[in-house]
């Protein structure tokens, strides 16, 4: 195995962490084989010796982009629990029966 750069090591570390805690899935099924988990980690990190350098670079770029989109998605919209806390702070009546869209609408009105 060739020397990995920092981004590749972090990606492999994340994948192995997911495997260790039973969160790593492929095609909807949990991965149980450690060799398969390592192969997935290397593939996502773009550090596989089974494919070309160009394809490895593309894999790493795709993984980084996916991670970045995930962070932005979480920050942009508050969760229902966060909206509920804000509604509770503002003492909005009927908040416990509201769904996320209704809570957003009620908070905009006040």
PDB file of N, CA and C in Angstrom:
ATOM      1  N   UNK A   1       0.846  -1.176   0.000  1.00  0.00           N
ATOM      2  CA  UNK A   1       0.000   0.000   0.000  1.00  0.00           C
ATOM      3  C   UNK A   1       0.893   1.241   0.000  1.00  0.00           C
ATOM      4  N   UNK A   2       0.566   2.192  -0.851  1.00  0.00           N
ATOM      5  CA  UNK A   2       1.358   3.415  -0.969  1.00  0.00           C
ATOM      6  C   UNK A   2       1.091   4.347   0.206  1.00  0.00           C
ATOM      7  N   UNK A   3       1.985   5.301   0.353  1.00  0.00           N
ATOM      8  CA  UNK A   3       1.830   6.290   1.414  1.00  0.00           C
ATOM      9  C   UNK A   3       0.580   7.128   1.152  1.00  0.00           C
ATOM     10  N   UNK A   4      -0.203   7.351   2.203  1.00  0.00           N
ATOM     11  CA  UNK A   4      -1.444   8.106   2.062  1.00  0.00           C
ATOM     12  C   UNK A   4      -1.242   9.534   2.528  1.00  0.00           C
ATOM     13  N   UNK A   5      -1.997  10.454   1.893  1.00  0.00           N
ATOM     14  CA  UNK A   5      -1.948  11.829   2.371  1.00  0.00           C
ATOM     15  C   UNK A   5      -2.937  11.988   3.526  1.00  0.00           C
ATOM     16  N   UNK A   6      -2.979  13.162   4.108  1.00  0.00           N
ATOM     17  CA  UNK A   6      -3.786  13.402   5.312  1.00  0.00           C
ATOM     18  C   UNK A   6      -5.279  13.157   5.077  1.00  0.00           C
ATOM     19  N   UNK A   7      -5.805  13.665   3.959  1.00  0.00           N
ATOM     20  CA  UNK A   7      -7.232  13.497   3.662  1.00  0.00           C
ATOM     21  C   UNK A   7      -7.582  12.021   3.505  1.00  0.00           C
ATOM     22  N   UNK A   8      -6.698  11.270   2.880  1.00  0.00           N
ATOM     23  CA  UNK A   8      -6.942   9.845   2.702  1.00  0.00           C
ATOM     24  C   UNK A   8      -6.934   9.115   4.039  1.00  0.00           C
ATOM     25  N   UNK A   9      -5.985   9.449   4.904  1.00  0.00           N
ATOM     26  CA  UNK A   9      -5.925   8.807   6.228  1.00  0.00           C
ATOM     27  C   UNK A   9      -7.190   9.103   7.025  1.00  0.00           C
ATOM     28  N   UNK A  10      -7.668  10.352   6.962  1.00  0.00           N
ATOM     29  CA  UNK A  10      -8.877  10.718   7.700  1.00  0.00           C
ATOM     30  C   UNK A  10     -10.086   9.951   7.181  1.00  0.00           C
ATOM     31  N   UNK A  11     -10.174   9.806   5.865  1.00  0.00           N
ATOM     32  CA  UNK A  11     -11.300   9.082   5.280  1.00  0.00           C
ATOM     33  C   UNK A  11     -11.274   7.614   5.692  1.00  0.00           C
ATOM     34  N   UNK A  12     -10.115   6.990   5.615  1.00  0.00           N
ATOM     35  CA  UNK A  12      -9.993   5.585   6.016  1.00  0.00           C
ATOM     36  C   UNK A  12     -10.311   5.438   7.501  1.00  0.00           C
ATOM     37  N   UNK A  13      -9.848   6.371   8.320  1.00  0.00           N
ATOM     38  CA  UNK A  13     -10.115   6.340   9.762  1.00  0.00           C
ATOM     39  C   UNK A  13     -11.622   6.441  10.031  1.00  0.00           C
ATOM     40  N   UNK A  14     -12.317   7.342   9.298  1.00  0.00           N
ATOM     41  CA  UNK A  14     -13.764   7.507   9.474  1.00  0.00           C
ATOM     42  C   UNK A  14     -14.506   6.231   9.091  1.00  0.00           C
ATOM     43  N   UNK A  15     -14.130   5.645   7.965  1.00  0.00           N
ATOM     44  CA  UNK A  15     -14.788   4.421   7.505  1.00  0.00           C
ATOM     45  C   UNK A  15     -14.574   3.285   8.503  1.00  0.00           C
ATOM     46  N   UNK A  16     -13.370   3.140   9.020  1.00  0.00           N
ATOM     47  CA  UNK A  16     -13.102   2.078   9.987  1.00  0.00           C
ATOM     48  C   UNK A  16     -13.843   2.326  11.302  1.00  0.00           C
ATOM     49  N   UNK A  17     -14.006   3.591  11.674  1.00  0.00           N
ATOM     50  CA  UNK A  17     -14.777   3.923  12.872  1.00  0.00           C
ATOM     51  C   UNK A  17     -16.232   3.489  12.671  1.00  0.00           C
ATOM     52  N   UNK A  18     -16.787   3.799  11.481  1.00  0.00           N
ATOM     53  CA  UNK A  18     -18.159   3.384  11.181  1.00  0.00           C
ATOM     54  C   UNK A  18     -18.282   1.860  11.230  1.00  0.00           C
ATOM     55  N   UNK A  19     -17.288   1.167  10.681  1.00  0.00           N
ATOM     56  CA  UNK A  19     -17.309  -0.299  10.692  1.00  0.00           C
ATOM     57  C   UNK A  19     -17.304  -0.830  12.127  1.00  0.00           C
ATOM     58  N   UNK A  20     -16.417  -0.271  12.941  1.00  0.00           N
ATOM     59  CA  UNK A  20     -16.259  -0.725  14.321  1.00  0.00           C
ATOM     60  C   UNK A  20     -17.546  -0.576  15.125  1.00  0.00           C
ATOM     61  N   UNK A  21     -18.319   0.463  14.814  1.00  0.00           N
ATOM     62  CA  UNK A  21     -19.556   0.722  15.552  1.00  0.00           C
ATOM     63  C   UNK A  21     -20.801   0.193  14.831  1.00  0.00           C
ATOM     64  N   UNK A  22     -20.593  -0.597  13.784  1.00  0.00           N
ATOM     65  CA  UNK A  22     -21.718  -1.224  13.087  1.00  0.00           C
ATOM     66  C   UNK A  22     -22.528  -0.281  12.231  1.00  0.00           C
ATOM     67  N   UNK A  23     -21.960   0.854  11.821  1.00  0.00           N
ATOM     68  CA  UNK A  23     -22.694   1.843  11.035  1.00  0.00           C
ATOM     69  C   UNK A  23     -22.335   1.803   9.554  1.00  0.00           C
ATOM     70  N   UNK A  24     -21.306   1.061   9.177  1.00  0.00           N
ATOM     71  CA  UNK A  24     -20.859   1.014   7.787  1.00  0.00           C
ATOM     72  C   UNK A  24     -21.780   0.100   6.993  1.00  0.00           C
ATOM     73  N   UNK A  25     -22.360   0.647   5.918  1.00  0.00           N
ATOM     74  CA  UNK A  25     -23.281  -0.123   5.093  1.00  0.00           C
ATOM     75  C   UNK A  25     -22.877  -0.027   3.631  1.00  0.00           C
ATOM     76  N   UNK A  26     -23.220  -1.057   2.898  1.00  0.00           N
ATOM     77  CA  UNK A  26     -23.014  -1.084   1.459  1.00  0.00           C
ATOM     78  C   UNK A  26     -24.264  -1.687   0.847  1.00  0.00           C
ATOM     79  N   UNK A  27     -24.893  -0.973  -0.049  1.00  0.00           N
ATOM     80  CA  UNK A  27     -26.139  -1.417  -0.673  1.00  0.00           C
ATOM     81  C   UNK A  27     -27.200  -1.732   0.384  1.00  0.00           C
ATOM     82  N   UNK A  28     -27.253  -0.945   1.446  1.00  0.00           N
ATOM     83  CA  UNK A  28     -28.262  -1.095   2.480  1.00  0.00           C
ATOM     84  C   UNK A  28     -27.984  -2.171   3.518  1.00  0.00           C
ATOM     85  N   UNK A  29     -26.915  -2.938   3.336  1.00  0.00           N
ATOM     86  CA  UNK A  29     -26.603  -4.013   4.282  1.00  0.00           C
ATOM     87  C   UNK A  29     -25.356  -3.666   5.072  1.00  0.00           C
ATOM     88  N   UNK A  30     -25.356  -4.025   6.341  1.00  0.00           N
ATOM     89  CA  UNK A  30     -24.226  -3.741   7.222  1.00  0.00           C
ATOM     90  C   UNK A  30     -23.013  -4.583   6.834  1.00  0.00           C
ATOM     91  N   UNK A  31     -21.857  -3.957   6.843  1.00  0.00           N
ATOM     92  CA  UNK A  31     -20.610  -4.642   6.514  1.00  0.00           C
ATOM     93  C   UNK A  31     -20.110  -5.366   7.761  1.00  0.00           C
ATOM     94  N   UNK A  32     -19.813  -6.664   7.619  1.00  0.00           N
ATOM     95  CA  UNK A  32     -19.333  -7.447   8.759  1.00  0.00           C
ATOM     96  C   UNK A  32     -17.892  -7.925   8.576  1.00  0.00           C
ATOM     97  N   UNK A  33     -17.390  -7.873   7.371  1.00  0.00           N
ATOM     98  CA  UNK A  33     -16.055  -8.373   7.067  1.00  0.00           C
ATOM     99  C   UNK A  33     -15.038  -7.238   7.159  1.00  0.00           C
ATOM    100  N   UNK A  34     -14.027  -7.347   8.014  1.00  0.00           N
ATOM    101  CA  UNK A  34     -13.051  -6.261   8.160  1.00  0.00           C
ATOM    102  C   UNK A  34     -12.260  -5.975   6.887  1.00  0.00           C
ATOM    103  N   UNK A  35     -11.986  -7.006   6.083  1.00  0.00           N
ATOM    104  CA  UNK A  35     -11.268  -6.785   4.822  1.00  0.00           C
ATOM    105  C   UNK A  35     -12.110  -5.961   3.853  1.00  0.00           C
ATOM    106  N   UNK A  36     -13.406  -6.216   3.855  1.00  0.00           N
ATOM    107  CA  UNK A  36     -14.298  -5.451   2.990  1.00  0.00           C
ATOM    108  C   UNK A  36     -14.370  -4.001   3.466  1.00  0.00           C
ATOM    109  N   UNK A  37     -14.370  -3.794   4.780  1.00  0.00           N
ATOM    110  CA  UNK A  37     -14.392  -2.435   5.332  1.00  0.00           C
ATOM    111  C   UNK A  37     -13.130  -1.671   4.930  1.00  0.00           C
ATOM    112  N   UNK A  38     -11.992  -2.338   4.977  1.00  0.00           N
ATOM    113  CA  UNK A  38     -10.735  -1.701   4.576  1.00  0.00           C
ATOM    114  C   UNK A  38     -10.783  -1.346   3.097  1.00  0.00           C
ATOM    115  N   UNK A  39     -11.298  -2.257   2.274  1.00  0.00           N
ATOM    116  CA  UNK A  39     -11.394  -1.998   0.837  1.00  0.00           C
ATOM    117  C   UNK A  39     -12.295  -0.799   0.553  1.00  0.00           C
ATOM    118  N   UNK A  40     -13.405  -0.691   1.271  1.00  0.00           N
ATOM    119  CA  UNK A  40     -14.313   0.445   1.097  1.00  0.00           C
ATOM    120  C   UNK A  40     -13.618   1.732   1.512  1.00  0.00           C
ATOM    121  N   UNK A  41     -12.917   1.685   2.631  1.00  0.00           N
ATOM    122  CA  UNK A  41     -12.191   2.866   3.103  1.00  0.00           C
ATOM    123  C   UNK A  41     -11.153   3.339   2.111  1.00  0.00           C
ATOM    124  N   UNK A  42     -10.368   2.411   1.583  1.00  0.00           N
ATOM    125  CA  UNK A  42      -9.344   2.774   0.602  1.00  0.00           C
ATOM    126  C   UNK A  42      -9.976   3.303  -0.683  1.00  0.00           C
ATOM    127  N   UNK A  43     -11.072   2.714  -1.077  1.00  0.00           N
ATOM    128  CA  UNK A  43     -11.755   3.149  -2.301  1.00  0.00           C
ATOM    129  C   UNK A  43     -12.297   4.562  -2.131  1.00  0.00           C
ATOM    130  N   UNK A  44     -12.970   4.843  -1.013  1.00  0.00           N
ATOM    131  CA  UNK A  44     -13.502   6.184  -0.752  1.00  0.00           C
ATOM    132  C   UNK A  44     -12.385   7.207  -0.624  1.00  0.00           C
ATOM    133  N   UNK A  45     -11.271   6.790  -0.058  1.00  0.00           N
ATOM    134  CA  UNK A  45     -10.153   7.705   0.167  1.00  0.00           C
ATOM    135  C   UNK A  45      -9.342   7.939  -1.099  1.00  0.00           C
ATOM    136  N   UNK A  46      -9.599   7.133  -2.125  1.00  0.00           N
ATOM    137  CA  UNK A  46      -8.809   7.271  -3.335  1.00  0.00           C
ATOM    138  C   UNK A  46      -7.409   6.742  -3.144  1.00  0.00           C
ATOM    139  N   UNK A  47      -7.256   5.693  -2.344  1.00  0.00           N
ATOM    140  CA  UNK A  47      -5.939   5.135  -2.061  1.00  0.00           C
ATOM    141  C   UNK A  47      -5.839   3.674  -2.490  1.00  0.00           C
ATOM    142  N   UNK A  48      -6.735   3.249  -3.351  1.00  0.00           N
ATOM    143  CA  UNK A  48      -6.731   1.858  -3.783  1.00  0.00           C
ATOM    144  C   UNK A  48      -5.644   1.613  -4.821  1.00  0.00           C
ATOM    145  N   UNK A  49      -4.972   0.472  -4.723  1.00  0.00           N
ATOM    146  CA  UNK A  49      -3.959   0.139  -5.727  1.00  0.00           C
ATOM    147  C   UNK A  49      -4.563  -0.672  -6.869  1.00  0.00           C
ATOM    148  N   UNK A  50      -5.866  -0.865  -6.843  1.00  0.00           N
ATOM    149  CA  UNK A  50      -6.548  -1.654  -7.868  1.00  0.00           C
ATOM    150  C   UNK A  50      -7.073  -0.797  -9.018  1.00  0.00           C
ATOM    151  N   UNK A  51      -7.094   0.518  -8.855  1.00  0.00           N
ATOM    152  CA  UNK A  51      -7.615   1.405  -9.906  1.00  0.00           C
ATOM    153  C   UNK A  51      -6.586   2.477 -10.243  1.00  0.00           C
ATOM    154  N   UNK A  52      -6.849   3.215 -11.311  1.00  0.00           N
ATOM    155  CA  UNK A  52      -5.889   4.210 -11.789  1.00  0.00           C
ATOM    156  C   UNK A  52      -5.797   5.412 -10.849  1.00  0.00           C
ATOM    157  N   UNK A  53      -4.723   6.169 -11.002  1.00  0.00           N
ATOM    158  CA  UNK A  53      -4.505   7.367 -10.198  1.00  0.00           C
ATOM    159  C   UNK A  53      -5.620   8.385 -10.436  1.00  0.00           C
ATOM    160  N   UNK A  54      -6.026   8.509 -11.692  1.00  0.00           N
ATOM    161  CA  UNK A  54      -7.095   9.454 -12.038  1.00  0.00           C
ATOM    162  C   UNK A  54      -8.403   9.097 -11.321  1.00  0.00           C
ATOM    163  N   UNK A  55      -8.742   7.825 -11.331  1.00  0.00           N
ATOM    164  CA  UNK A  55      -9.972   7.377 -10.681  1.00  0.00           C
ATOM    165  C   UNK A  55      -9.882   7.539  -9.163  1.00  0.00           C
ATOM    166  N   UNK A  56      -8.705   7.299  -8.597  1.00  0.00           N
ATOM    167  CA  UNK A  56      -8.497   7.503  -7.164  1.00  0.00           C
ATOM    168  C   UNK A  56      -8.723   8.960  -6.790  1.00  0.00           C
ATOM    169  N   UNK A  57      -8.175   9.873  -7.585  1.00  0.00           N
ATOM    170  CA  UNK A  57      -8.359  11.303  -7.309  1.00  0.00           C
ATOM    171  C   UNK A  57      -9.828  11.687  -7.363  1.00  0.00           C
ATOM    172  N   UNK A  58     -10.537  11.134  -8.344  1.00  0.00           N
ATOM    173  CA  UNK A  58     -11.965  11.411  -8.469  1.00  0.00           C
ATOM    174  C   UNK A  58     -12.733  10.888  -7.251  1.00  0.00           C
ATOM    175  N   UNK A  59     -12.365   9.717  -6.763  1.00  0.00           N
ATOM    176  CA  UNK A  59     -13.024   9.136  -5.581  1.00  0.00           C
ATOM    177  C   UNK A  59     -12.837  10.017  -4.353  1.00  0.00           C
ATOM    178  N   UNK A  60     -11.611  10.493  -4.148  1.00  0.00           N
ATOM    179  CA  UNK A  60     -11.341  11.349  -2.996  1.00  0.00           C
ATOM    180  C   UNK A  60     -12.101  12.665  -3.111  1.00  0.00           C
ATOM    181  N   UNK A  61     -12.134  13.247  -4.313  1.00  0.00           N
ATOM    182  CA  UNK A  61     -12.863  14.505  -4.516  1.00  0.00           C
ATOM    183  C   UNK A  61     -14.354  14.312  -4.246  1.00  0.00           C
ATOM    184  N   UNK A  62     -14.905  13.184  -4.691  1.00  0.00           N
ATOM    185  CA  UNK A  62     -16.325  12.891  -4.482  1.00  0.00           C
ATOM    186  C   UNK A  62     -16.623  12.728  -2.987  1.00  0.00           C
ATOM    187  N   UNK A  63     -15.744  12.051  -2.276  1.00  0.00           N
ATOM    188  CA  UNK A  63     -15.919  11.840  -0.838  1.00  0.00           C
ATOM    189  C   UNK A  63     -15.867  13.169  -0.090  1.00  0.00           C
ATOM    190  N   UNK A  64     -14.902  14.023  -0.448  1.00  0.00           N
ATOM    191  CA  UNK A  64     -14.790  15.336   0.199  1.00  0.00           C
ATOM    192  C   UNK A  64     -16.032  16.182  -0.063  1.00  0.00           C
ATOM    193  N   UNK A  65     -16.517  16.171  -1.315  1.00  0.00           N
ATOM    194  CA  UNK A  65     -17.699  16.955  -1.668  1.00  0.00           C
ATOM    195  C   UNK A  65     -18.921  16.470  -0.901  1.00  0.00           C
ATOM    196  N   UNK A  66     -19.049  15.160  -0.772  1.00  0.00           N
ATOM    197  CA  UNK A  66     -20.184  14.591  -0.039  1.00  0.00           C
ATOM    198  C   UNK A  66     -20.155  15.025   1.422  1.00  0.00           C
ATOM    199  N   UNK A  67     -18.984  15.003   2.018  1.00  0.00           N
ATOM    200  CA  UNK A  67     -18.841  15.410   3.420  1.00  0.00           C
ATOM    201  C   UNK A  67     -19.166  16.891   3.588  1.00  0.00           C
ATOM    202  N   UNK A  68     -18.713  17.700   2.640  1.00  0.00           N
ATOM    203  CA  UNK A  68     -18.960  19.136   2.729  1.00  0.00           C
ATOM    204  C   UNK A  68     -20.457  19.435   2.599  1.00  0.00           C
ATOM    205  N   UNK A  69     -21.123  18.769   1.657  1.00  0.00           N
ATOM    206  CA  UNK A  69     -22.564  18.976   1.492  1.00  0.00           C
ATOM    207  C   UNK A  69     -23.307  18.572   2.748  1.00  0.00           C
ATOM    208  N   UNK A  70     -22.894  17.494   3.380  1.00  0.00           N
ATOM    209  CA  UNK A  70     -23.551  17.026   4.600  1.00  0.00           C
ATOM    210  C   UNK A  70     -23.445  18.033   5.719  1.00  0.00           C
ATOM    211  N   UNK A  71     -22.306  18.675   5.864  1.00  0.00           N
ATOM    212  CA  UNK A  71     -22.130  19.681   6.910  1.00  0.00           C
ATOM    213  C   UNK A  71     -23.022  20.884   6.649  1.00  0.00           C
ATOM    214  N   UNK A  72     -23.062  21.317   5.412  1.00  0.00           N
ATOM    215  CA  UNK A  72     -23.878  22.484   5.077  1.00  0.00           C
ATOM    216  C   UNK A  72     -25.358  22.203   5.284  1.00  0.00           C
ATOM    217  N   UNK A  73     -25.785  21.006   4.907  1.00  0.00           N
ATOM    218  CA  UNK A  73     -27.194  20.656   5.046  1.00  0.00           C
ATOM    219  C   UNK A  73     -27.614  20.697   6.512  1.00  0.00           C
ATOM    220  N   UNK A  74     -26.756  20.228   7.400  1.00  0.00           N
ATOM    221  CA  UNK A  74     -27.103  20.232   8.818  1.00  0.00           C
ATOM    222  C   UNK A  74     -27.163  21.639   9.388  1.00  0.00           C
ATOM    223  N   UNK A  75     -26.300  22.522   8.919  1.00  0.00           N
ATOM    224  CA  UNK A  75     -26.248  23.863   9.492  1.00  0.00           C
ATOM    225  C   UNK A  75     -27.361  24.767   8.978  1.00  0.00           C
ATOM    226  N   UNK A  76     -27.829  24.540   7.743  1.00  0.00           N
ATOM    227  CA  UNK A  76     -28.744  25.489   7.124  1.00  0.00           C
ATOM    228  C   UNK A  76     -30.147  25.465   7.735  1.00  0.00           C
ATOM    229  N   UNK A  77     -30.678  24.301   8.055  1.00  0.00           N
ATOM    230  CA  UNK A  77     -32.027  24.241   8.597  1.00  0.00           C
ATOM    231  C   UNK A  77     -32.009  23.633   9.996  1.00  0.00           C
ATOM    232  N   UNK A  78     -32.710  24.262  10.920  1.00  0.00           N
ATOM    233  CA  UNK A  78     -32.762  23.704  12.277  1.00  0.00           C
ATOM    234  C   UNK A  78     -33.642  22.450  12.325  1.00  0.00           C
ATOM    235  N   UNK A  79     -33.392  21.594  13.269  1.00  0.00           N
ATOM    236  CA  UNK A  79     -34.187  20.380  13.432  1.00  0.00           C
ATOM    237  C   UNK A  79     -35.513  20.722  14.108  1.00  0.00           C
ATOM    238  N   UNK A  80     -36.418  19.752  14.125  1.00  0.00           N
ATOM    239  CA  UNK A  80     -37.701  19.977  14.776  1.00  0.00           C
ATOM    240  C   UNK A  80     -37.494  20.240  16.261  1.00  0.00           C
ATOM    241  N   UNK A  81     -36.559  19.524  16.862  1.00  0.00           N
ATOM    242  CA  UNK A  81     -36.280  19.703  18.289  1.00  0.00           C
ATOM    243  C   UNK A  81     -35.792  21.122  18.580  1.00  0.00           C
ATOM    244  N   UNK A  82     -34.932  21.653  17.709  1.00  0.00           N
ATOM    245  CA  UNK A  82     -34.445  23.025  17.892  1.00  0.00           C
ATOM    246  C   UNK A  82     -35.573  24.032  17.725  1.00  0.00           C
ATOM    247  N   UNK A  83     -36.440  23.787  16.730  1.00  0.00           N
ATOM    248  CA  UNK A  83     -37.592  24.675  16.528  1.00  0.00           C
ATOM    249  C   UNK A  83     -38.534  24.609  17.731  1.00  0.00           C
ATOM    250  N   UNK A  84     -38.727  23.399  18.259  1.00  0.00           N
ATOM    251  CA  UNK A  84     -39.594  23.228  19.417  1.00  0.00           C
ATOM    252  C   UNK A  84     -39.040  23.992  20.621  1.00  0.00           C
ATOM    253  N   UNK A  85     -37.732  23.920  20.831  1.00  0.00           N
ATOM    254  CA  UNK A  85     -37.112  24.653  21.942  1.00  0.00           C
ATOM    255  C   UNK A  85     -37.355  26.153  21.807  1.00  0.00           C
ATOM    256  N   UNK A  86     -37.209  26.662  20.586  1.00  0.00           N
ATOM    257  CA  UNK A  86     -37.439  28.093  20.354  1.00  0.00           C
ATOM    258  C   UNK A  86     -38.906  28.446  20.584  1.00  0.00           C
ATOM    259  N   UNK A  87     -39.830  27.585  20.137  1.00  0.00           N
ATOM    260  CA  UNK A  87     -41.261  27.816  20.344  1.00  0.00           C
ATOM    261  C   UNK A  87     -41.591  27.789  21.835  1.00  0.00           C
ATOM    262  N   UNK A  88     -40.940  26.915  22.548  1.00  0.00           N
ATOM    263  CA  UNK A  88     -41.140  26.828  23.993  1.00  0.00           C
ATOM    264  C   UNK A  88     -40.666  28.111  24.673  1.00  0.00           C
ATOM    265  N   UNK A  89     -39.502  28.609  24.214  1.00  0.00           N
ATOM    266  CA  UNK A  89     -38.956  29.844  24.770  1.00  0.00           C
ATOM    267  C   UNK A  89     -39.893  31.028  24.511  1.00  0.00           C
ATOM    268  N   UNK A  90     -40.525  31.028  23.327  1.00  0.00           N
ATOM    269  CA  UNK A  90     -41.448  32.122  22.970  1.00  0.00           C
ATOM    270  C   UNK A  90     -42.874  31.868  23.455  1.00  0.00           C
ATOM    271  N   UNK A  91     -43.092  30.711  24.094  1.00  0.00           N
ATOM    272  CA  UNK A  91     -44.389  30.352  24.671  1.00  0.00           C
ATOM    273  C   UNK A  91     -45.498  30.316  23.620  1.00  0.00           C
ATOM    274  N   UNK A  92     -45.274  29.623  22.524  1.00  0.00           N
ATOM    275  CA  UNK A  92     -46.262  29.493  21.455  1.00  0.00           C
ATOM    276  C   UNK A  92     -47.227  28.367  21.820  1.00  0.00           C
ATOM    277  N   UNK A  93     -48.545  28.654  21.847  1.00  0.00           N
ATOM    278  CA  UNK A  93     -49.520  27.630  22.227  1.00  0.00           C
ATOM    279  C   UNK A  93     -49.668  26.548  21.149  1.00  0.00           C
ATOM    280  N   UNK A  94     -49.909  25.316  21.556  1.00  0.00           N
ATOM    281  CA  UNK A  94     -50.111  24.194  20.639  1.00  0.00           C
ATOM    282  C   UNK A  94     -48.838  23.664  20.005  1.00  0.00           C
ATOM    283  N   UNK A  95     -47.701  24.062  20.523  1.00  0.00           N
ATOM    284  CA  UNK A  95     -46.417  23.681  19.905  1.00  0.00           C
ATOM    285  C   UNK A  95     -46.148  22.184  19.949  1.00  0.00           C
ATOM    286  N   UNK A  96     -46.654  21.492  20.952  1.00  0.00           N
ATOM    287  CA  UNK A  96     -46.351  20.062  21.081  1.00  0.00           C
ATOM    288  C   UNK A  96     -47.024  19.234  19.986  1.00  0.00           C
ATOM    289  N   UNK A  97     -48.112  19.730  19.424  1.00  0.00           N
ATOM    290  CA  UNK A  97     -48.812  18.996  18.373  1.00  0.00           C
ATOM    291  C   UNK A  97     -48.358  19.393  16.972  1.00  0.00           C
ATOM    292  N   UNK A  98     -47.465  20.383  16.869  1.00  0.00           N
ATOM    293  CA  UNK A  98     -47.029  20.879  15.560  1.00  0.00           C
ATOM    294  C   UNK A  98     -45.903  20.031  14.985  1.00  0.00           C
ATOM    295  N   UNK A  99     -45.917  19.920  13.657  1.00  0.00           N
ATOM    296  CA  UNK A  99     -44.785  19.273  12.988  1.00  0.00           C
ATOM    297  C   UNK A  99     -43.751  20.347  12.645  1.00  0.00           C
ATOM    298  N   UNK A 100     -42.696  19.966  11.973  1.00  0.00           N
ATOM    299  CA  UNK A 100     -41.593  20.886  11.705  1.00  0.00           C
ATOM    300  C   UNK A 100     -42.048  22.093  10.877  1.00  0.00           C
ATOM    301  N   UNK A 101     -42.813  21.856   9.822  1.00  0.00           N
ATOM    302  CA  UNK A 101     -43.269  22.952   8.959  1.00  0.00           C
ATOM    303  C   UNK A 101     -44.163  23.924   9.732  1.00  0.00           C
ATOM    304  N   UNK A 102     -45.047  23.384  10.560  1.00  0.00           N
ATOM    305  CA  UNK A 102     -45.941  24.238  11.352  1.00  0.00           C
ATOM    306  C   UNK A 102     -45.163  25.056  12.376  1.00  0.00           C
ATOM    307  N   UNK A 103     -44.152  24.444  12.989  1.00  0.00           N
ATOM    308  CA  UNK A 103     -43.318  25.183  13.946  1.00  0.00           C
ATOM    309  C   UNK A 103     -42.578  26.328  13.255  1.00  0.00           C
ATOM    310  N   UNK A 104     -42.034  26.064  12.061  1.00  0.00           N
ATOM    311  CA  UNK A 104     -41.349  27.122  11.308  1.00  0.00           C
ATOM    312  C   UNK A 104     -42.300  28.271  11.015  1.00  0.00           C
ATOM    313  N   UNK A 105     -43.510  27.930  10.583  1.00  0.00           N
ATOM    314  CA  UNK A 105     -44.510  28.949  10.242  1.00  0.00           C
ATOM    315  C   UNK A 105     -44.905  29.764  11.474  1.00  0.00           C
ATOM    316  N   UNK A 106     -45.118  29.090  12.594  1.00  0.00           N
ATOM    317  CA  UNK A 106     -45.506  29.781  13.826  1.00  0.00           C
ATOM    318  C   UNK A 106     -44.388  30.693  14.326  1.00  0.00           C
ATOM    319  N   UNK A 107     -43.151  30.253  14.195  1.00  0.00           N
ATOM    320  CA  UNK A 107     -42.021  31.073  14.647  1.00  0.00           C
ATOM    321  C   UNK A 107     -41.812  32.285  13.744  1.00  0.00           C
ATOM    322  N   UNK A 108     -42.135  32.146  12.465  1.00  0.00           N
ATOM    323  CA  UNK A 108     -42.015  33.299  11.555  1.00  0.00           C
ATOM    324  C   UNK A 108     -43.049  34.366  11.876  1.00  0.00           C
ATOM    325  N   UNK A 109     -44.247  33.939  12.289  1.00  0.00           N
ATOM    326  CA  UNK A 109     -45.315  34.888  12.602  1.00  0.00           C
ATOM    327  C   UNK A 109     -45.000  35.735  13.816  1.00  0.00           C
ATOM    328  N   UNK A 110     -44.314  35.164  14.782  1.00  0.00           N
ATOM    329  CA  UNK A 110     -44.045  35.896  16.020  1.00  0.00           C
ATOM    330  C   UNK A 110     -42.695  36.490  16.034  1.00  0.00           C
TER     331      UNK A 110
END
